[in-house]
Amino acid sequence: MALAETPFRLVRAQRGGAVSAYTHASGSETRNFDIMGVADDAMDEEGEQDTGLLAMPGQGVATSLKYMRGHGCYLDASQAEIVSSLSGTIEKVNKLVSVRPVRTRYRPEVGDLVIGRITDVQSRRWKVDIGAKTDASLQLSSINLPGGVQRKKLESDELQMRHFFQEGDLVVAEVQSLFQDGSVGLHTRSLRYGKLRNGALAVVPPVLVRRHKSHFLSLMQLPERGVDLVLGLNGWIWVSKHVPFDMAKAEGEGADRDEAMETDGVYSDVNEAIPAATRQSISLVCQVLAVFAHQGWPVTDAALEQACALCASRDEPLHAQALVQYLTRARQSRT
């Protein structure tokens, strides 16, 4: 399979670019359920064995006389059977049968760190595309004001909303709340959250991004003081030039906190000058992420550090297919 066919996308970090919503596979993970009791007939016994098997659209997965249809299925009354409406794995819980799609959008959970793109500016809120079924909502009351001022948001702040974020901006935020209608609430009330600059966006399948204690990584073994990564659990990964971050200073209060908040930098749209060596390092990390997406390897901090250090130690850069083979051999040799 050619590397160009991999579910990976690299997005330039510039304003005004037309970037559509991007959907990725969330994996074909299946859950195994313990079915209590013994089937009374061969039909039930055969149905239990179908759990975890792959179903295609239009394929019958169970009889409607014994099972109830769940998600990913519809009832064919003429044949008295439950038919799959998508491609996925069959899941049966007691008498409920459903089909879990092989590919689906990101499913947010409270506390997830995500990267999104501002799609619309509305009354006291922004709409943010995070690769989920619906756009998330970032309320004006859920952001930090320039200077770290803690006060109620006023009408004057609402008039300056486009000064904070506008259409096309990339932001890193945290999922604050989930609602019954499927909508998502975000917040950026942290010094590490907010607008993203000085880098490039890489998109991989969300299922590959593993949860870490911290989703802010620094690969310091790369040239020109390394690069920083923000691993969004929605599969969006931000790769940028390294910027030192003092956690002790950022967590200070009073005057220290005001000094930590750079009024001009938090919501600035201007990218800083990036040396050529740093640009090459950013490109290298994006290529490594493309290989991870192509091969279906989990994206972890340790795996990224090893792969990037291995590629950076080479004198000559590798092309796409050669990079896949090189990292695959290196991974197999370690196992």
C-alpha atoms as a PDB file:
ATOM      1  CA  MET A   1       0.000   0.000   0.000  1.00  0.00           C
ATOM      2  CA  ALA A   2       1.396   3.361  -0.962  1.00  0.00           C
ATOM      3  CA  LEU A   3       2.123   5.870   1.757  1.00  0.00           C
ATOM      4  CA  ALA A   4      -0.133   8.379  -0.009  1.00  0.00           C
ATOM      5  CA  GLU A   5      -3.109   6.149   0.837  1.00  0.00           C
ATOM      6  CA  THR A   6      -2.518   6.351   4.579  1.00  0.00           C
ATOM      7  CA  PRO A   7      -5.172   8.065   6.741  1.00  0.00           C
ATOM      8  CA  PHE A   8      -2.845  10.970   7.498  1.00  0.00           C
ATOM      9  CA  ARG A   9      -3.069  14.634   6.697  1.00  0.00           C
ATOM     10  CA  LEU A  10      -0.634  17.509   7.110  1.00  0.00           C
ATOM     11  CA  VAL A  11      -2.175  20.978   7.319  1.00  0.00           C
ATOM     12  CA  ARG A  12      -0.236  24.184   6.845  1.00  0.00           C
ATOM     13  CA  ALA A  13      -0.346  26.630   9.712  1.00  0.00           C
ATOM     14  CA  GLN A  14      -1.633  29.691   7.894  1.00  0.00           C
ATOM     15  CA  ARG A  15      -4.753  31.801   8.078  1.00  0.00           C
ATOM     16  CA  GLY A  16      -7.379  31.756   5.361  1.00  0.00           C
ATOM     17  CA  GLY A  17      -6.625  28.256   4.097  1.00  0.00           C
ATOM     18  CA  ALA A  18      -9.727  26.292   3.188  1.00  0.00           C
ATOM     19  CA  VAL A  19      -9.491  23.196   5.357  1.00  0.00           C
ATOM     20  CA  SER A  20     -12.412  20.803   5.461  1.00  0.00           C
ATOM     21  CA  ALA A  21     -13.362  18.605   8.372  1.00  0.00           C
ATOM     22  CA  TYR A  22     -11.238  15.454   8.443  1.00  0.00           C
ATOM     23  CA  THR A  23     -12.521  12.071   9.530  1.00  0.00           C
ATOM     24  CA  HIS A  24     -10.339   9.172  10.601  1.00  0.00           C
ATOM     25  CA  ALA A  25     -10.656   5.620  11.712  1.00  0.00           C
ATOM     26  CA  SER A  26     -11.173   5.145  15.407  1.00  0.00           C
ATOM     27  CA  GLY A  27     -10.078   1.544  15.122  1.00  0.00           C
ATOM     28  CA  SER A  28     -11.785  -1.780  14.997  1.00  0.00           C
ATOM     29  CA  GLU A  29     -11.622  -2.456  18.705  1.00  0.00           C
ATOM     30  CA  THR A  30     -14.156  -4.979  19.863  1.00  0.00           C
ATOM     31  CA  ARG A  31     -15.335  -5.840  23.323  1.00  0.00           C
ATOM     32  CA  ASN A  32     -15.841  -9.412  24.419  1.00  0.00           C
ATOM     33  CA  PHE A  33     -18.859 -10.033  26.612  1.00  0.00           C
ATOM     34  CA  ASP A  34     -19.477 -13.044  28.804  1.00  0.00           C
ATOM     35  CA  ILE A  35     -22.848 -14.517  27.738  1.00  0.00           C
ATOM     36  CA  MET A  36     -24.429 -16.189  30.756  1.00  0.00           C
ATOM     37  CA  GLY A  37     -26.140 -19.467  30.281  1.00  0.00           C
ATOM     38  CA  VAL A  38     -26.152 -22.030  27.508  1.00  0.00           C
ATOM     39  CA  ALA A  39     -28.080 -21.525  24.258  1.00  0.00           C
ATOM     40  CA  ASP A  40     -31.240 -23.556  23.963  1.00  0.00           C
ATOM     41  CA  ASP A  41     -30.824 -24.200  20.270  1.00  0.00           C
ATOM     42  CA  ALA A  42     -28.199 -24.178  17.567  1.00  0.00           C
ATOM     43  CA  MET A  43     -29.289 -20.749  16.328  1.00  0.00           C
ATOM     44  CA  ASP A  44     -28.388 -19.035  19.601  1.00  0.00           C
ATOM     45  CA  GLU A  45     -25.117 -20.938  19.807  1.00  0.00           C
ATOM     46  CA  GLU A  46     -24.190 -19.900  16.278  1.00  0.00           C
ATOM     47  CA  GLY A  47     -25.164 -16.295  17.018  1.00  0.00           C
ATOM     48  CA  GLU A  48     -22.791 -16.116  19.983  1.00  0.00           C
ATOM     49  CA  GLN A  49     -19.937 -17.296  17.790  1.00  0.00           C
ATOM     50  CA  ASP A  50     -20.595 -14.408  15.388  1.00  0.00           C
ATOM     51  CA  THR A  51     -19.575 -11.829  17.996  1.00  0.00           C
ATOM     52  CA  GLY A  52     -16.460 -10.005  16.790  1.00  0.00           C
ATOM     53  CA  LEU A  53     -16.821 -11.061  13.157  1.00  0.00           C
ATOM     54  CA  LEU A  54     -16.737  -8.512  10.359  1.00  0.00           C
ATOM     55  CA  ALA A  55     -20.059  -7.607   8.744  1.00  0.00           C
ATOM     56  CA  MET A  56     -20.583  -5.830   5.428  1.00  0.00           C
ATOM     57  CA  PRO A  57     -23.478  -3.504   4.477  1.00  0.00           C
ATOM     58  CA  GLY A  58     -26.568  -5.533   3.545  1.00  0.00           C
ATOM     59  CA  GLN A  59     -25.334  -8.668   5.270  1.00  0.00           C
ATOM     60  CA  GLY A  60     -27.670 -10.453   7.677  1.00  0.00           C
ATOM     61  CA  VAL A  61     -26.241 -10.643  11.176  1.00  0.00           C
ATOM     62  CA  ALA A  62     -29.058 -12.259  13.206  1.00  0.00           C
ATOM     63  CA  THR A  63     -32.673 -13.312  13.105  1.00  0.00           C
ATOM     64  CA  SER A  64     -35.267 -10.839  14.318  1.00  0.00           C
ATOM     65  CA  LEU A  65     -37.115 -13.692  16.052  1.00  0.00           C
ATOM     66  CA  LYS A  66     -34.344 -14.091  18.633  1.00  0.00           C
ATOM     67  CA  TYR A  67     -32.560 -10.714  18.757  1.00  0.00           C
ATOM     68  CA  MET A  68     -33.296  -6.991  18.975  1.00  0.00           C
ATOM     69  CA  ARG A  69     -31.527  -4.620  16.601  1.00  0.00           C
ATOM     70  CA  GLY A  70     -29.125  -1.998  17.904  1.00  0.00           C
ATOM     71  CA  HIS A  71     -26.913   0.640  16.323  1.00  0.00           C
ATOM     72  CA  GLY A  72     -25.607  -0.061  12.838  1.00  0.00           C
ATOM     73  CA  CYS A  73     -28.483  -2.403  11.948  1.00  0.00           C
ATOM     74  CA  TYR A  74     -31.932  -2.289  10.408  1.00  0.00           C
ATOM     75  CA  LEU A  75     -34.820  -4.739  10.301  1.00  0.00           C
ATOM     76  CA  ASP A  76     -35.675  -6.563   7.080  1.00  0.00           C
ATOM     77  CA  ALA A  77     -39.300  -7.505   7.697  1.00  0.00           C
ATOM     78  CA  SER A  78     -39.587  -9.611   4.536  1.00  0.00           C
ATOM     79  CA  GLN A  79     -36.741 -11.907   5.597  1.00  0.00           C
ATOM     80  CA  ALA A  80     -37.320 -11.615   9.367  1.00  0.00           C
ATOM     81  CA  GLU A  81     -33.668 -10.840   9.949  1.00  0.00           C
ATOM     82  CA  ILE A  82     -31.471  -8.018  11.210  1.00  0.00           C
ATOM     83  CA  VAL A  83     -29.217  -6.588   8.496  1.00  0.00           C
ATOM     84  CA  SER A  84     -26.020  -4.578   8.901  1.00  0.00           C
ATOM     85  CA  SER A  85     -26.161  -1.028   7.547  1.00  0.00           C
ATOM     86  CA  LEU A  86     -22.401  -0.434   7.616  1.00  0.00           C
ATOM     87  CA  SER A  87     -19.023  -2.129   7.599  1.00  0.00           C
ATOM     88  CA  GLY A  88     -17.913  -3.133  11.070  1.00  0.00           C
ATOM     89  CA  THR A  89     -17.686  -5.803  13.737  1.00  0.00           C
ATOM     90  CA  ILE A  90     -20.696  -7.617  15.175  1.00  0.00           C
ATOM     91  CA  GLU A  91     -21.378  -7.121  18.874  1.00  0.00           C
ATOM     92  CA  LYS A  92     -24.003  -9.082  20.801  1.00  0.00           C
ATOM     93  CA  VAL A  93     -25.002  -8.377  24.379  1.00  0.00           C
ATOM     94  CA  ASN A  94     -27.604 -10.873  25.565  1.00  0.00           C
ATOM     95  CA  LYS A  95     -30.347 -10.424  22.932  1.00  0.00           C
ATOM     96  CA  LEU A  96     -29.170  -7.075  21.561  1.00  0.00           C
ATOM     97  CA  VAL A  97     -27.131  -7.142  18.354  1.00  0.00           C
ATOM     98  CA  SER A  98     -25.290  -4.147  16.932  1.00  0.00           C
ATOM     99  CA  VAL A  99     -22.500  -3.419  14.466  1.00  0.00           C
ATOM    100  CA  ARG A 100     -19.564  -1.269  15.586  1.00  0.00           C
ATOM    101  CA  PRO A 101     -18.192   0.696  12.604  1.00  0.00           C
ATOM    102  CA  VAL A 102     -14.594   0.118  11.570  1.00  0.00           C
ATOM    103  CA  ARG A 103     -14.223   3.837  10.950  1.00  0.00           C
ATOM    104  CA  THR A 104     -15.923   6.523  12.970  1.00  0.00           C
ATOM    105  CA  ARG A 105     -15.393  10.037  14.186  1.00  0.00           C
ATOM    106  CA  TYR A 106     -13.720  11.032  17.422  1.00  0.00           C
ATOM    107  CA  ARG A 107     -15.836  10.433  20.532  1.00  0.00           C
ATOM    108  CA  PRO A 108     -15.000  13.103  23.122  1.00  0.00           C
ATOM    109  CA  GLU A 109     -14.831  12.475  26.851  1.00  0.00           C
ATOM    110  CA  VAL A 110     -14.651  14.960  29.702  1.00  0.00           C
ATOM    111  CA  GLY A 111     -11.028  15.843  30.407  1.00  0.00           C
ATOM    112  CA  ASP A 112      -9.739  15.057  26.913  1.00  0.00           C
ATOM    113  CA  LEU A 113      -7.136  17.416  25.518  1.00  0.00           C
ATOM    114  CA  VAL A 114      -8.039  18.228  21.920  1.00  0.00           C
ATOM    115  CA  ILE A 115      -6.883  20.454  19.086  1.00  0.00           C
ATOM    116  CA  GLY A 116      -9.519  22.149  16.967  1.00  0.00           C
ATOM    117  CA  ARG A 117     -10.085  24.785  14.325  1.00  0.00           C
ATOM    118  CA  ILE A 118     -12.379  27.774  14.811  1.00  0.00           C
ATOM    119  CA  THR A 119     -15.195  27.528  12.256  1.00  0.00           C
ATOM    120  CA  ASP A 120     -17.569  30.286  13.366  1.00  0.00           C
ATOM    121  CA  VAL A 121     -17.797  33.230  15.758  1.00  0.00           C
ATOM    122  CA  GLN A 122     -21.232  33.521  17.358  1.00  0.00           C
ATOM    123  CA  SER A 123     -22.793  35.388  20.255  1.00  0.00           C
ATOM    124  CA  ARG A 124     -20.475  34.901  23.255  1.00  0.00           C
ATOM    125  CA  ARG A 125     -19.045  31.661  21.883  1.00  0.00           C
ATOM    126  CA  TRP A 126     -16.913  30.102  19.155  1.00  0.00           C
ATOM    127  CA  LYS A 127     -17.695  26.950  17.188  1.00  0.00           C
ATOM    128  CA  VAL A 128     -14.716  24.598  17.006  1.00  0.00           C
ATOM    129  CA  ASP A 129     -14.167  21.640  14.681  1.00  0.00           C
ATOM    130  CA  ILE A 130     -12.525  18.839  16.680  1.00  0.00           C
ATOM    131  CA  GLY A 131     -13.268  15.979  14.282  1.00  0.00           C
ATOM    132  CA  ALA A 132     -16.335  14.831  16.233  1.00  0.00           C
ATOM    133  CA  LYS A 133     -19.882  14.358  14.945  1.00  0.00           C
ATOM    134  CA  THR A 134     -20.735  17.964  15.803  1.00  0.00           C
ATOM    135  CA  ASP A 135     -18.676  21.103  16.287  1.00  0.00           C
ATOM    136  CA  ALA A 136     -17.689  21.857  19.862  1.00  0.00           C
ATOM    137  CA  SER A 137     -18.551  25.120  21.612  1.00  0.00           C
ATOM    138  CA  LEU A 138     -16.038  27.401  23.329  1.00  0.00           C
ATOM    139  CA  GLN A 139     -17.810  29.957  25.517  1.00  0.00           C
ATOM    140  CA  LEU A 140     -16.429  33.451  26.040  1.00  0.00           C
ATOM    141  CA  SER A 141     -16.582  32.769  29.784  1.00  0.00           C
ATOM    142  CA  SER A 142     -14.328  29.708  29.309  1.00  0.00           C
ATOM    143  CA  ILE A 143     -11.185  31.535  28.150  1.00  0.00           C
ATOM    144  CA  ASN A 144      -8.454  33.548  29.849  1.00  0.00           C
ATOM    145  CA  LEU A 145      -8.428  37.277  29.225  1.00  0.00           C
ATOM    146  CA  PRO A 146      -5.139  38.908  28.174  1.00  0.00           C
ATOM    147  CA  GLY A 147      -3.081  39.806  31.216  1.00  0.00           C
ATOM    148  CA  GLY A 148      -4.637  37.067  33.337  1.00  0.00           C
ATOM    149  CA  VAL A 149      -7.437  39.326  34.566  1.00  0.00           C
ATOM    150  CA  GLN A 150     -10.039  37.388  36.543  1.00  0.00           C
ATOM    151  CA  ARG A 151     -13.403  39.091  36.130  1.00  0.00           C
ATOM    152  CA  LYS A 152     -16.813  38.648  34.595  1.00  0.00           C
ATOM    153  CA  LYS A 153     -16.846  38.966  30.821  1.00  0.00           C
ATOM    154  CA  LEU A 154     -18.387  42.264  29.733  1.00  0.00           C
ATOM    155  CA  GLU A 155     -20.053  43.495  26.565  1.00  0.00           C
ATOM    156  CA  SER A 156     -16.762  45.102  25.556  1.00  0.00           C
ATOM    157  CA  ASP A 157     -15.136  41.653  25.656  1.00  0.00           C
ATOM    158  CA  GLU A 158     -17.847  40.302  23.379  1.00  0.00           C
ATOM    159  CA  LEU A 159     -17.059  43.029  20.850  1.00  0.00           C
ATOM    160  CA  GLN A 160     -13.411  41.911  20.842  1.00  0.00           C
ATOM    161  CA  MET A 161     -14.084  38.209  20.327  1.00  0.00           C
ATOM    162  CA  ARG A 162     -12.416  38.194  16.909  1.00  0.00           C
ATOM    163  CA  HIS A 163      -9.345  39.685  18.537  1.00  0.00           C
ATOM    164  CA  PHE A 164      -9.085  36.529  20.659  1.00  0.00           C
ATOM    165  CA  PHE A 165     -10.029  33.847  18.093  1.00  0.00           C
ATOM    166  CA  GLN A 166     -11.370  34.050  14.569  1.00  0.00           C
ATOM    167  CA  GLU A 167     -12.215  31.647  11.758  1.00  0.00           C
ATOM    168  CA  GLY A 168      -9.295  29.419  10.792  1.00  0.00           C
ATOM    169  CA  ASP A 169      -7.390  29.695  14.068  1.00  0.00           C
ATOM    170  CA  LEU A 170      -6.064  26.479  15.579  1.00  0.00           C
ATOM    171  CA  VAL A 171      -6.562  26.136  19.325  1.00  0.00           C
ATOM    172  CA  VAL A 172      -5.700  23.581  21.980  1.00  0.00           C
ATOM    173  CA  ALA A 173      -8.412  23.126  24.602  1.00  0.00           C
ATOM    174  CA  GLU A 174      -9.859  20.667  27.097  1.00  0.00           C
ATOM    175  CA  VAL A 175     -13.259  19.007  26.952  1.00  0.00           C
ATOM    176  CA  GLN A 176     -15.184  20.516  29.852  1.00  0.00           C
ATOM    177  CA  SER A 177     -18.678  19.091  29.430  1.00  0.00           C
ATOM    178  CA  LEU A 178     -20.814  16.769  27.318  1.00  0.00           C
ATOM    179  CA  PHE A 179     -24.514  17.359  26.720  1.00  0.00           C
ATOM    180  CA  GLN A 180     -27.385  15.000  25.955  1.00  0.00           C
ATOM    181  CA  ASP A 181     -27.759  16.297  22.399  1.00  0.00           C
ATOM    182  CA  GLY A 182     -24.161  15.278  21.643  1.00  0.00           C
ATOM    183  CA  SER A 183     -22.680  18.778  21.789  1.00  0.00           C
ATOM    184  CA  VAL A 184     -19.340  19.390  23.485  1.00  0.00           C
ATOM    185  CA  GLY A 185     -18.178  22.254  25.699  1.00  0.00           C
ATOM    186  CA  LEU A 186     -14.511  23.311  25.738  1.00  0.00           C
ATOM    187  CA  HIS A 187     -12.386  25.598  27.880  1.00  0.00           C
ATOM    188  CA  THR A 188      -8.932  27.179  27.540  1.00  0.00           C
ATOM    189  CA  ARG A 189      -8.460  28.383  31.126  1.00  0.00           C
ATOM    190  CA  SER A 190      -4.837  27.310  31.296  1.00  0.00           C
ATOM    191  CA  LEU A 191      -1.578  28.949  30.275  1.00  0.00           C
ATOM    192  CA  ARG A 192      -0.804  25.961  28.065  1.00  0.00           C
ATOM    193  CA  TYR A 193      -4.097  26.190  26.195  1.00  0.00           C
ATOM    194  CA  GLY A 194      -5.127  28.708  23.565  1.00  0.00           C
ATOM    195  CA  LYS A 195      -4.047  29.685  20.058  1.00  0.00           C
ATOM    196  CA  LEU A 196      -1.353  27.659  18.285  1.00  0.00           C
ATOM    197  CA  ARG A 197       1.474  29.209  16.265  1.00  0.00           C
ATOM    198  CA  ASN A 198       4.927  28.487  14.836  1.00  0.00           C
ATOM    199  CA  GLY A 199       4.287  24.959  13.621  1.00  0.00           C
ATOM    200  CA  ALA A 200       2.334  22.483  11.521  1.00  0.00           C
ATOM    201  CA  LEU A 201      -0.710  20.305  12.129  1.00  0.00           C
ATOM    202  CA  ALA A 202      -0.578  16.546  11.540  1.00  0.00           C
ATOM    203  CA  VAL A 203      -3.725  14.404  11.681  1.00  0.00           C
ATOM    204  CA  VAL A 204      -3.700  10.683  12.508  1.00  0.00           C
ATOM    205  CA  PRO A 205      -6.479   8.216  13.441  1.00  0.00           C
ATOM    206  CA  PRO A 206      -7.663   9.119  16.972  1.00  0.00           C
ATOM    207  CA  VAL A 207      -7.408   5.511  18.170  1.00  0.00           C
ATOM    208  CA  LEU A 208      -3.614   5.635  17.744  1.00  0.00           C
ATOM    209  CA  VAL A 209      -3.108   8.489  20.224  1.00  0.00           C
ATOM    210  CA  ARG A 210      -2.615   6.996  23.670  1.00  0.00           C
ATOM    211  CA  ARG A 211      -3.405   8.801  26.915  1.00  0.00           C
ATOM    212  CA  HIS A 212      -0.405  10.268  28.712  1.00  0.00           C
ATOM    213  CA  LYS A 213       0.186  11.984  32.010  1.00  0.00           C
ATOM    214  CA  SER A 214       0.986  15.072  29.946  1.00  0.00           C
ATOM    215  CA  HIS A 215       0.100  15.544  26.287  1.00  0.00           C
ATOM    216  CA  PHE A 216       2.694  18.312  25.892  1.00  0.00           C
ATOM    217  CA  LEU A 217       5.965  16.731  24.751  1.00  0.00           C
ATOM    218  CA  SER A 218       9.386  18.116  23.852  1.00  0.00           C
ATOM    219  CA  LEU A 219      11.774  16.212  21.571  1.00  0.00           C
ATOM    220  CA  MET A 220      15.038  17.820  22.602  1.00  0.00           C
ATOM    221  CA  GLN A 221      17.311  15.418  20.708  1.00  0.00           C
ATOM    222  CA  LEU A 222      16.454  17.094  17.386  1.00  0.00           C
ATOM    223  CA  PRO A 223      18.602  19.921  15.932  1.00  0.00           C
ATOM    224  CA  GLU A 224      18.105  23.562  16.945  1.00  0.00           C
ATOM    225  CA  ARG A 225      16.901  22.883  20.509  1.00  0.00           C
ATOM    226  CA  GLY A 226      14.248  20.378  19.477  1.00  0.00           C
ATOM    227  CA  VAL A 227      10.527  20.720  18.807  1.00  0.00           C
ATOM    228  CA  ASP A 228       7.366  20.704  20.902  1.00  0.00           C
ATOM    229  CA  LEU A 229       4.371  18.421  20.349  1.00  0.00           C
ATOM    230  CA  VAL A 230       0.780  18.664  21.519  1.00  0.00           C
ATOM    231  CA  LEU A 231      -0.938  15.277  21.267  1.00  0.00           C
ATOM    232  CA  GLY A 232      -4.662  15.817  20.872  1.00  0.00           C
ATOM    233  CA  LEU A 233      -6.782  12.808  21.753  1.00  0.00           C
ATOM    234  CA  ASN A 234      -8.904  13.583  18.692  1.00  0.00           C
ATOM    235  CA  GLY A 235      -5.954  12.616  16.467  1.00  0.00           C
ATOM    236  CA  TRP A 236      -4.808  16.171  15.771  1.00  0.00           C
ATOM    237  CA  ILE A 237      -1.137  16.667  16.644  1.00  0.00           C
ATOM    238  CA  TRP A 238       0.601  20.040  16.678  1.00  0.00           C
ATOM    239  CA  VAL A 239       4.347  20.130  15.915  1.00  0.00           C
ATOM    240  CA  SER A 240       6.099  23.448  16.560  1.00  0.00           C
ATOM    241  CA  LYS A 241       9.403  25.061  17.501  1.00  0.00           C
ATOM    242  CA  HIS A 242      10.486  24.550  21.094  1.00  0.00           C
ATOM    243  CA  VAL A 243       9.453  27.260  23.553  1.00  0.00           C
ATOM    244  CA  PRO A 244      10.632  26.945  27.178  1.00  0.00           C
ATOM    245  CA  PHE A 245       7.757  26.744  29.653  1.00  0.00           C
ATOM    246  CA  ASP A 246       8.195  27.428  33.378  1.00  0.00           C
ATOM    247  CA  MET A 247       5.454  25.488  35.151  1.00  0.00           C
ATOM    248  CA  ALA A 248       6.294  26.958  38.575  1.00  0.00           C
ATOM    249  CA  LYS A 249       5.983  30.484  37.240  1.00  0.00           C
ATOM    250  CA  ALA A 250       2.822  29.659  35.326  1.00  0.00           C
ATOM    251  CA  GLU A 251       1.135  28.308  38.450  1.00  0.00           C
ATOM    252  CA  GLY A 252       1.979  31.433  40.468  1.00  0.00           C
ATOM    253  CA  GLU A 253      -0.584  33.878  41.725  1.00  0.00           C
ATOM    254  CA  GLY A 254      -0.914  37.654  41.787  1.00  0.00           C
ATOM    255  CA  ALA A 255       1.897  39.568  40.087  1.00  0.00           C
ATOM    256  CA  ASP A 256       3.736  36.394  39.095  1.00  0.00           C
ATOM    257  CA  ARG A 257       0.681  35.157  37.232  1.00  0.00           C
ATOM    258  CA  ASP A 258       0.234  38.498  35.481  1.00  0.00           C
ATOM    259  CA  GLU A 259       3.843  38.379  34.337  1.00  0.00           C
ATOM    260  CA  ALA A 260       3.402  34.820  33.066  1.00  0.00           C
ATOM    261  CA  MET A 261       0.507  35.909  30.865  1.00  0.00           C
ATOM    262  CA  GLU A 262       1.986  37.706  27.870  1.00  0.00           C
ATOM    263  CA  THR A 263      -0.686  40.055  26.645  1.00  0.00           C
ATOM    264  CA  ASP A 264       0.701  40.335  23.139  1.00  0.00           C
ATOM    265  CA  GLY A 265       1.631  36.680  22.740  1.00  0.00           C
ATOM    266  CA  VAL A 266      -1.392  34.730  23.959  1.00  0.00           C
ATOM    267  CA  TYR A 267      -3.683  35.773  21.104  1.00  0.00           C
ATOM    268  CA  SER A 268      -1.080  36.896  18.566  1.00  0.00           C
ATOM    269  CA  ASP A 269      -1.494  35.883  14.918  1.00  0.00           C
ATOM    270  CA  VAL A 270       2.128  36.516  13.929  1.00  0.00           C
ATOM    271  CA  ASN A 271       4.460  33.538  13.590  1.00  0.00           C
ATOM    272  CA  GLU A 272       7.997  33.948  14.847  1.00  0.00           C
ATOM    273  CA  ALA A 273      11.070  33.451  12.686  1.00  0.00           C
ATOM    274  CA  ILE A 274      11.837  29.722  12.521  1.00  0.00           C
ATOM    275  CA  PRO A 275      15.376  28.589  11.565  1.00  0.00           C
ATOM    276  CA  ALA A 276      15.795  26.222   8.633  1.00  0.00           C
ATOM    277  CA  ALA A 277      17.057  23.424  10.893  1.00  0.00           C
ATOM    278  CA  THR A 278      13.941  23.712  13.064  1.00  0.00           C
ATOM    279  CA  ARG A 279      11.730  23.565   9.979  1.00  0.00           C
ATOM    280  CA  GLN A 280      13.498  20.371   8.935  1.00  0.00           C
ATOM    281  CA  SER A 281      12.946  18.911  12.404  1.00  0.00           C
ATOM    282  CA  ILE A 282       9.232  19.762  12.244  1.00  0.00           C
ATOM    283  CA  SER A 283       9.020  18.140   8.815  1.00  0.00           C
ATOM    284  CA  LEU A 284      10.827  15.040  10.105  1.00  0.00           C
ATOM    285  CA  VAL A 285       8.400  14.611  13.004  1.00  0.00           C
ATOM    286  CA  CYS A 286       5.434  14.975  10.634  1.00  0.00           C
ATOM    287  CA  GLN A 287       6.915  12.295   8.362  1.00  0.00           C
ATOM    288  CA  VAL A 288       7.392   9.969  11.330  1.00  0.00           C
ATOM    289  CA  LEU A 289       3.770  10.552  12.348  1.00  0.00           C
ATOM    290  CA  ALA A 290       2.706   9.687   8.796  1.00  0.00           C
ATOM    291  CA  VAL A 291       4.560   6.374   9.102  1.00  0.00           C
ATOM    292  CA  PHE A 292       2.874   5.666  12.440  1.00  0.00           C
ATOM    293  CA  ALA A 293      -0.533   6.306  10.855  1.00  0.00           C
ATOM    294  CA  HIS A 294       0.332   4.182   7.810  1.00  0.00           C
ATOM    295  CA  GLN A 295       1.487   1.235   9.916  1.00  0.00           C
ATOM    296  CA  GLY A 296      -1.160   1.603  12.630  1.00  0.00           C
ATOM    297  CA  TRP A 297       1.430   2.025  15.393  1.00  0.00           C
ATOM    298  CA  PRO A 298       0.337   3.616  18.691  1.00  0.00           C
ATOM    299  CA  VAL A 299       1.513   7.205  19.093  1.00  0.00           C
ATOM    300  CA  THR A 300       3.303   7.357  22.451  1.00  0.00           C
ATOM    301  CA  ASP A 301       5.981   9.673  23.784  1.00  0.00           C
ATOM    302  CA  ALA A 302       8.589   6.917  24.023  1.00  0.00           C
ATOM    303  CA  ALA A 303       7.903   5.579  20.521  1.00  0.00           C
ATOM    304  CA  LEU A 304       8.079   9.058  18.995  1.00  0.00           C
ATOM    305  CA  GLU A 305      11.324   9.900  20.769  1.00  0.00           C
ATOM    306  CA  GLN A 306      12.988   6.687  19.604  1.00  0.00           C
ATOM    307  CA  ALA A 307      11.774   7.002  16.014  1.00  0.00           C
ATOM    308  CA  CYS A 308      12.689  10.681  15.666  1.00  0.00           C
ATOM    309  CA  ALA A 309      16.110  10.194  17.253  1.00  0.00           C
ATOM    310  CA  LEU A 310      16.770   7.257  14.938  1.00  0.00           C
ATOM    311  CA  CYS A 311      15.864   9.263  11.830  1.00  0.00           C
ATOM    312  CA  ALA A 312      17.739  12.373  12.969  1.00  0.00           C
ATOM    313  CA  SER A 313      20.942  10.345  13.402  1.00  0.00           C
ATOM    314  CA  ARG A 314      21.065   9.608   9.667  1.00  0.00           C
ATOM    315  CA  ASP A 315      23.168  11.849   7.460  1.00  0.00           C
ATOM    316  CA  GLU A 316      20.772  11.703   4.502  1.00  0.00           C
ATOM    317  CA  PRO A 317      16.978  12.109   4.622  1.00  0.00           C
ATOM    318  CA  LEU A 318      14.796   9.178   3.589  1.00  0.00           C
ATOM    319  CA  HIS A 319      11.948   9.203   1.116  1.00  0.00           C
ATOM    320  CA  ALA A 320       8.474   8.119   2.176  1.00  0.00           C
ATOM    321  CA  GLN A 321       8.655   4.411   1.299  1.00  0.00           C
ATOM    322  CA  ALA A 322      12.255   4.116   2.503  1.00  0.00           C
ATOM    323  CA  LEU A 323      11.293   5.744   5.800  1.00  0.00           C
ATOM    324  CA  VAL A 324       8.495   3.196   6.284  1.00  0.00           C
ATOM    325  CA  GLN A 325      10.859   0.292   5.673  1.00  0.00           C
ATOM    326  CA  TYR A 326      13.588   1.805   7.849  1.00  0.00           C
ATOM    327  CA  LEU A 327      11.356   2.361  10.879  1.00  0.00           C
ATOM    328  CA  THR A 328       9.641  -1.007  10.403  1.00  0.00           C
ATOM    329  CA  ARG A 329      12.976  -2.853  10.475  1.00  0.00           C
ATOM    330  CA  ALA A 330      14.101  -0.858  13.503  1.00  0.00           C
ATOM    331  CA  ARG A 331      10.860  -1.639  15.324  1.00  0.00           C
ATOM    332  CA  GLN A 332      11.111  -5.348  14.518  1.00  0.00           C
ATOM    333  CA  SER A 333      14.729  -5.503  15.678  1.00  0.00           C
ATOM    334  CA  ARG A 334      13.765  -4.074  19.093  1.00  0.00           C
ATOM    335  CA  THR A 335      11.005  -6.645  19.530  1.00  0.00           C
END
